[in-house]
Amino acid sequence: QVQMVESGGGVVQAGGSLRLSCVASGRTLVNVDMGWYRQAPGKEREFVAMTRWTWRGYTSDYDDFAKDRFTISRDNAGDATYLEMNSLKPEDTAIYYCDEHVPGPVPVDYWGQGTQVTVSS
């Protein structure tokens, strides 16, 4: 059973920074993607960033709002992913969810419980 555990959320003033962490356990595959989504109150869950496994190493994708302010990384073992968030804005307030995506003919996603990020103005 794959489990994802996030940490690092909290309350920060606008312009501040936070670093989210996500650690996966119980996995048997290595060729998986790991990344982040977020869901603000009253809104749909949206994509933030993802590290994708390739034979040459991990690549990173970002949504447009995250490209200039957020940085996603992955540890060498591939079991953890981190999201460094800078220049935070009140509109970044949301629950941030870690996602482990197993690509294939029948893709599978494993989700963490989420970590709250609140940015005060």
N, C-alpha and C. Protein backbone atom coordinates (compact mmCIF):
# COMPACT_ATOMS: atom_id res chain seq x y z
N GLN A 1 0.84 -1.18 0.00
CA GLN A 1 0.00 0.00 0.00
C GLN A 1 0.89 1.24 0.00
N VAL A 2 0.76 2.04 -1.05
CA VAL A 2 1.54 3.26 -1.14
C VAL A 2 0.92 4.32 -0.25
N GLN A 3 1.74 4.97 0.53
CA GLN A 3 1.28 6.07 1.38
C GLN A 3 2.12 7.31 1.10
N MET A 4 1.45 8.45 1.05
CA MET A 4 2.11 9.73 0.81
C MET A 4 1.87 10.61 2.03
N VAL A 5 2.92 11.17 2.56
CA VAL A 5 2.78 12.02 3.74
C VAL A 5 3.41 13.38 3.44
N GLU A 6 2.57 14.42 3.50
CA GLU A 6 3.05 15.78 3.27
C GLU A 6 3.34 16.48 4.58
N SER A 7 4.19 17.48 4.50
CA SER A 7 4.47 18.34 5.65
C SER A 7 4.99 19.68 5.13
N GLY A 8 5.02 20.66 6.02
CA GLY A 8 5.62 21.94 5.67
C GLY A 8 4.64 23.07 5.46
N GLY A 9 3.35 22.78 5.49
CA GLY A 9 2.39 23.87 5.33
C GLY A 9 2.38 24.77 6.55
N GLY A 10 1.65 25.87 6.44
CA GLY A 10 1.55 26.80 7.55
C GLY A 10 1.00 28.13 7.12
N VAL A 11 1.15 29.10 7.99
CA VAL A 11 0.68 30.46 7.73
C VAL A 11 1.88 31.36 7.48
N VAL A 12 1.81 32.13 6.42
CA VAL A 12 2.93 33.00 6.06
C VAL A 12 2.36 34.30 5.52
N GLN A 13 3.10 35.37 5.67
CA GLN A 13 2.67 36.65 5.12
C GLN A 13 2.95 36.70 3.62
N ALA A 14 2.20 37.53 2.93
CA ALA A 14 2.43 37.71 1.50
C ALA A 14 3.88 38.12 1.26
N GLY A 15 4.48 37.51 0.25
CA GLY A 15 5.87 37.75 -0.06
C GLY A 15 6.82 36.75 0.59
N GLY A 16 6.29 35.96 1.52
CA GLY A 16 7.11 34.99 2.22
C GLY A 16 7.30 33.70 1.44
N SER A 17 7.94 32.74 2.11
CA SER A 17 8.27 31.47 1.47
C SER A 17 7.89 30.30 2.37
N LEU A 18 7.62 29.18 1.73
CA LEU A 18 7.39 27.92 2.44
C LEU A 18 7.99 26.79 1.61
N ARG A 19 8.37 25.72 2.30
CA ARG A 19 8.88 24.54 1.61
C ARG A 19 8.04 23.34 2.03
N LEU A 20 7.36 22.75 1.07
CA LEU A 20 6.55 21.57 1.33
C LEU A 20 7.37 20.32 1.03
N SER A 21 7.11 19.28 1.81
CA SER A 21 7.78 18.01 1.61
C SER A 21 6.74 16.91 1.49
N CYS A 22 7.09 15.88 0.73
CA CYS A 22 6.21 14.72 0.58
C CYS A 22 7.08 13.49 0.49
N VAL A 23 6.81 12.52 1.34
CA VAL A 23 7.57 11.27 1.35
C VAL A 23 6.63 10.12 1.06
N ALA A 24 7.05 9.27 0.14
CA ALA A 24 6.27 8.10 -0.23
C ALA A 24 6.84 6.85 0.42
N SER A 25 5.97 5.95 0.82
CA SER A 25 6.40 4.67 1.38
C SER A 25 5.52 3.57 0.82
N GLY A 26 6.03 2.34 0.86
CA GLY A 26 5.26 1.20 0.40
C GLY A 26 5.27 1.01 -1.09
N ARG A 27 6.12 1.76 -1.81
CA ARG A 27 6.13 1.65 -3.26
C ARG A 27 7.10 0.58 -3.72
N THR A 28 6.77 -0.06 -4.84
CA THR A 28 7.67 -1.06 -5.41
C THR A 28 8.20 -0.65 -6.77
N LEU A 29 7.65 0.41 -7.38
CA LEU A 29 8.07 0.87 -8.69
C LEU A 29 8.98 2.09 -8.55
N VAL A 30 9.85 2.29 -9.54
CA VAL A 30 10.71 3.46 -9.51
C VAL A 30 10.33 4.45 -10.62
N ASN A 31 9.68 3.98 -11.67
CA ASN A 31 9.38 4.84 -12.81
C ASN A 31 8.04 5.54 -12.62
N VAL A 32 7.98 6.33 -11.57
CA VAL A 32 6.74 7.03 -11.25
C VAL A 32 6.98 8.53 -11.23
N ASP A 33 5.91 9.28 -11.41
CA ASP A 33 5.96 10.72 -11.30
C ASP A 33 5.50 11.13 -9.91
N MET A 34 6.03 12.22 -9.41
CA MET A 34 5.58 12.76 -8.13
C MET A 34 5.43 14.27 -8.26
N GLY A 35 4.37 14.79 -7.70
CA GLY A 35 4.17 16.23 -7.82
C GLY A 35 3.12 16.76 -6.88
N TRP A 36 2.65 17.95 -7.21
CA TRP A 36 1.75 18.68 -6.32
C TRP A 36 0.55 19.25 -7.06
N TYR A 37 -0.58 19.17 -6.39
CA TYR A 37 -1.80 19.85 -6.79
C TYR A 37 -2.25 20.69 -5.61
N ARG A 38 -3.18 21.58 -5.86
CA ARG A 38 -3.73 22.36 -4.77
C ARG A 38 -5.22 22.59 -4.98
N GLN A 39 -5.92 22.83 -3.89
CA GLN A 39 -7.35 23.10 -3.95
C GLN A 39 -7.69 24.22 -2.98
N ALA A 40 -8.15 25.32 -3.54
CA ALA A 40 -8.59 26.45 -2.74
C ALA A 40 -10.07 26.28 -2.40
N PRO A 41 -10.55 26.94 -1.36
CA PRO A 41 -11.96 26.82 -0.97
C PRO A 41 -12.89 27.18 -2.12
N GLY A 42 -13.83 26.30 -2.41
CA GLY A 42 -14.81 26.56 -3.44
C GLY A 42 -14.31 26.39 -4.86
N LYS A 43 -13.09 25.88 -5.00
CA LYS A 43 -12.52 25.73 -6.34
C LYS A 43 -12.13 24.28 -6.60
N GLU A 44 -11.92 23.97 -7.88
CA GLU A 44 -11.48 22.64 -8.26
C GLU A 44 -10.00 22.45 -7.92
N ARG A 45 -9.62 21.20 -7.74
CA ARG A 45 -8.20 20.90 -7.54
C ARG A 45 -7.46 21.24 -8.82
N GLU A 46 -6.30 21.91 -8.67
CA GLU A 46 -5.54 22.30 -9.85
C GLU A 46 -4.09 21.84 -9.77
N PHE A 47 -3.51 21.64 -10.93
CA PHE A 47 -2.13 21.21 -11.04
C PHE A 47 -1.18 22.33 -10.66
N VAL A 48 -0.11 21.97 -9.92
CA VAL A 48 0.91 22.95 -9.56
C VAL A 48 2.22 22.62 -10.26
N ALA A 49 2.77 21.44 -9.98
CA ALA A 49 4.06 21.06 -10.54
C ALA A 49 4.22 19.55 -10.42
N MET A 50 5.09 19.00 -11.27
CA MET A 50 5.29 17.55 -11.28
C MET A 50 6.72 17.23 -11.69
N THR A 51 7.32 16.23 -11.03
CA THR A 51 8.58 15.67 -11.52
C THR A 51 8.24 14.35 -12.21
N ARG A 52 8.76 14.18 -13.40
CA ARG A 52 8.42 13.01 -14.21
C ARG A 52 9.67 12.15 -14.43
N TRP A 53 9.52 10.88 -14.21
CA TRP A 53 10.63 9.95 -14.38
C TRP A 53 10.90 9.73 -15.85
N THR A 54 12.18 9.77 -16.24
CA THR A 54 12.62 9.36 -17.57
C THR A 54 13.90 8.55 -17.38
N TRP A 55 14.31 7.85 -18.43
CA TRP A 55 15.53 7.06 -18.36
C TRP A 55 16.76 7.94 -18.12
N ARG A 56 16.64 9.22 -18.47
CA ARG A 56 17.77 10.13 -18.31
C ARG A 56 17.71 10.92 -17.01
N GLY A 57 16.71 10.64 -16.21
CA GLY A 57 16.55 11.37 -14.96
C GLY A 57 15.19 12.04 -14.91
N TYR A 58 14.98 12.86 -13.91
CA TYR A 58 13.67 13.49 -13.72
C TYR A 58 13.57 14.80 -14.49
N THR A 59 12.41 15.04 -15.06
CA THR A 59 12.09 16.33 -15.65
C THR A 59 11.01 17.00 -14.81
N SER A 60 10.84 18.29 -14.98
CA SER A 60 9.87 19.04 -14.18
C SER A 60 8.89 19.79 -15.06
N ASP A 61 7.63 19.78 -14.64
CA ASP A 61 6.59 20.56 -15.31
C ASP A 61 5.94 21.48 -14.29
N TYR A 62 5.54 22.65 -14.74
CA TYR A 62 4.88 23.62 -13.86
C TYR A 62 3.65 24.18 -14.54
N ASP A 63 2.66 24.52 -13.72
CA ASP A 63 1.58 25.33 -14.26
C ASP A 63 2.13 26.75 -14.42
N ASP A 64 1.47 27.53 -15.26
CA ASP A 64 2.00 28.87 -15.55
C ASP A 64 2.16 29.73 -14.31
N PHE A 65 1.22 29.65 -13.37
CA PHE A 65 1.31 30.52 -12.19
C PHE A 65 2.48 30.16 -11.30
N ALA A 66 3.00 28.93 -11.45
CA ALA A 66 4.05 28.46 -10.55
C ALA A 66 5.45 28.59 -11.15
N LYS A 67 5.54 28.82 -12.44
CA LYS A 67 6.84 28.75 -13.12
C LYS A 67 7.89 29.67 -12.53
N ASP A 68 7.53 30.88 -12.20
CA ASP A 68 8.53 31.87 -11.78
C ASP A 68 8.73 31.93 -10.27
N ARG A 69 7.83 31.28 -9.50
CA ARG A 69 7.90 31.42 -8.05
C ARG A 69 8.12 30.11 -7.31
N PHE A 70 7.75 29.00 -7.93
CA PHE A 70 7.84 27.70 -7.25
C PHE A 70 8.92 26.85 -7.91
N THR A 71 9.57 26.01 -7.09
CA THR A 71 10.57 25.07 -7.60
C THR A 71 10.29 23.70 -7.02
N ILE A 72 10.14 22.72 -7.90
CA ILE A 72 9.92 21.35 -7.46
C ILE A 72 11.21 20.58 -7.59
N SER A 73 11.44 19.67 -6.66
CA SER A 73 12.63 18.83 -6.71
C SER A 73 12.30 17.43 -6.22
N ARG A 74 13.22 16.53 -6.43
CA ARG A 74 13.03 15.12 -6.08
C ARG A 74 14.33 14.62 -5.49
N ASP A 75 14.24 13.75 -4.50
CA ASP A 75 15.47 13.22 -3.93
C ASP A 75 16.03 12.13 -4.84
N ASN A 76 17.29 11.76 -4.62
CA ASN A 76 17.96 10.82 -5.52
C ASN A 76 17.28 9.46 -5.53
N ALA A 77 16.75 9.05 -4.41
CA ALA A 77 16.08 7.75 -4.35
C ALA A 77 14.71 7.78 -5.00
N GLY A 78 14.21 8.99 -5.26
CA GLY A 78 12.91 9.11 -5.90
C GLY A 78 11.73 8.94 -4.98
N ASP A 79 11.98 8.86 -3.68
CA ASP A 79 10.90 8.61 -2.73
C ASP A 79 10.31 9.88 -2.14
N ALA A 80 10.91 11.01 -2.41
CA ALA A 80 10.42 12.25 -1.82
C ALA A 80 10.44 13.36 -2.86
N THR A 81 9.50 14.27 -2.70
CA THR A 81 9.47 15.44 -3.56
C THR A 81 9.27 16.67 -2.68
N TYR A 82 9.79 17.80 -3.14
CA TYR A 82 9.74 19.02 -2.37
C TYR A 82 9.24 20.14 -3.26
N LEU A 83 8.51 21.08 -2.65
CA LEU A 83 8.03 22.23 -3.39
C LEU A 83 8.46 23.48 -2.64
N GLU A 84 9.40 24.20 -3.20
CA GLU A 84 9.85 25.46 -2.65
C GLU A 84 8.99 26.56 -3.24
N MET A 85 8.29 27.29 -2.37
CA MET A 85 7.37 28.33 -2.83
C MET A 85 7.86 29.69 -2.33
N ASN A 86 8.12 30.59 -3.24
CA ASN A 86 8.60 31.92 -2.91
C ASN A 86 7.60 32.98 -3.38
N SER A 87 7.78 34.18 -2.86
CA SER A 87 6.91 35.31 -3.23
C SER A 87 5.44 34.92 -3.16
N LEU A 88 5.07 34.31 -2.07
CA LEU A 88 3.70 33.81 -1.93
C LEU A 88 2.69 34.93 -1.93
N LYS A 89 1.53 34.63 -2.50
CA LYS A 89 0.43 35.59 -2.61
C LYS A 89 -0.78 35.04 -1.89
N PRO A 90 -1.70 35.91 -1.47
CA PRO A 90 -2.91 35.41 -0.81
C PRO A 90 -3.66 34.39 -1.67
N GLU A 91 -3.62 34.54 -2.98
CA GLU A 91 -4.31 33.59 -3.85
C GLU A 91 -3.64 32.22 -3.91
N ASP A 92 -2.48 32.08 -3.29
CA ASP A 92 -1.84 30.77 -3.18
C ASP A 92 -2.41 29.97 -2.01
N THR A 93 -3.27 30.59 -1.22
CA THR A 93 -3.89 29.90 -0.10
C THR A 93 -4.70 28.72 -0.59
N ALA A 94 -4.40 27.53 -0.08
CA ALA A 94 -5.06 26.31 -0.53
C ALA A 94 -4.55 25.14 0.30
N ILE A 95 -5.20 24.01 0.11
CA ILE A 95 -4.65 22.76 0.60
C ILE A 95 -3.80 22.18 -0.53
N TYR A 96 -2.57 21.86 -0.21
CA TYR A 96 -1.64 21.33 -1.21
C TYR A 96 -1.53 19.82 -1.03
N TYR A 97 -1.76 19.11 -2.12
CA TYR A 97 -1.77 17.66 -2.10
C TYR A 97 -0.60 17.10 -2.90
N CYS A 98 0.05 16.12 -2.33
CA CYS A 98 1.10 15.39 -3.03
C CYS A 98 0.46 14.27 -3.84
N ASP A 99 0.97 14.07 -5.03
CA ASP A 99 0.44 13.05 -5.93
C ASP A 99 1.58 12.17 -6.43
N GLU A 100 1.39 10.88 -6.32
CA GLU A 100 2.28 9.94 -6.99
C GLU A 100 1.50 9.35 -8.16
N HIS A 101 2.00 9.58 -9.36
CA HIS A 101 1.31 9.15 -10.57
C HIS A 101 2.09 8.01 -11.21
N VAL A 102 1.43 6.88 -11.36
CA VAL A 102 2.04 5.72 -12.01
C VAL A 102 1.52 5.66 -13.43
N PRO A 103 2.33 6.04 -14.41
CA PRO A 103 1.85 6.03 -15.79
C PRO A 103 1.72 4.61 -16.33
N GLY A 104 0.97 4.47 -17.41
CA GLY A 104 0.79 3.17 -18.01
C GLY A 104 -0.57 3.07 -18.66
N PRO A 105 -0.89 1.88 -19.19
CA PRO A 105 -2.19 1.70 -19.84
C PRO A 105 -3.36 2.03 -18.90
N VAL A 106 -3.19 1.71 -17.64
CA VAL A 106 -4.19 2.08 -16.63
C VAL A 106 -3.46 2.89 -15.56
N PRO A 107 -3.37 4.20 -15.75
CA PRO A 107 -2.62 5.01 -14.78
C PRO A 107 -3.27 5.00 -13.40
N VAL A 108 -2.43 5.13 -12.39
CA VAL A 108 -2.90 5.11 -11.01
C VAL A 108 -2.33 6.32 -10.29
N ASP A 109 -3.13 6.93 -9.45
CA ASP A 109 -2.67 8.05 -8.63
C ASP A 109 -2.85 7.74 -7.16
N TYR A 110 -1.82 8.06 -6.39
CA TYR A 110 -1.88 7.97 -4.94
C TYR A 110 -1.76 9.38 -4.39
N TRP A 111 -2.63 9.71 -3.44
CA TRP A 111 -2.69 11.06 -2.89
C TRP A 111 -2.35 11.09 -1.42
N GLY A 112 -1.72 12.18 -1.01
CA GLY A 112 -1.53 12.42 0.41
C GLY A 112 -2.77 13.05 1.01
N GLN A 113 -2.70 13.32 2.31
CA GLN A 113 -3.86 13.86 3.00
C GLN A 113 -3.98 15.37 2.83
N GLY A 114 -2.93 15.99 2.32
CA GLY A 114 -2.93 17.43 2.09
C GLY A 114 -2.32 18.21 3.24
N THR A 115 -1.77 19.35 2.91
CA THR A 115 -1.22 20.25 3.92
C THR A 115 -1.70 21.67 3.61
N GLN A 116 -2.17 22.35 4.63
CA GLN A 116 -2.76 23.67 4.44
C GLN A 116 -1.69 24.75 4.33
N VAL A 117 -1.82 25.57 3.31
CA VAL A 117 -0.98 26.75 3.16
C VAL A 117 -1.89 27.97 3.19
N THR A 118 -1.61 28.88 4.10
CA THR A 118 -2.39 30.10 4.22
C THR A 118 -1.47 31.31 4.10
N VAL A 119 -1.77 32.17 3.15
CA VAL A 119 -0.96 33.36 2.92
C VAL A 119 -1.80 34.58 3.29
N SER A 120 -1.34 35.30 4.29
CA SER A 120 -2.09 36.47 4.75
C SER A 120 -1.59 37.73 4.03
N SER A 121 -2.51 38.65 3.83
CA SER A 121 -2.15 39.89 3.10
C SER A 121 -1.68 40.98 4.05
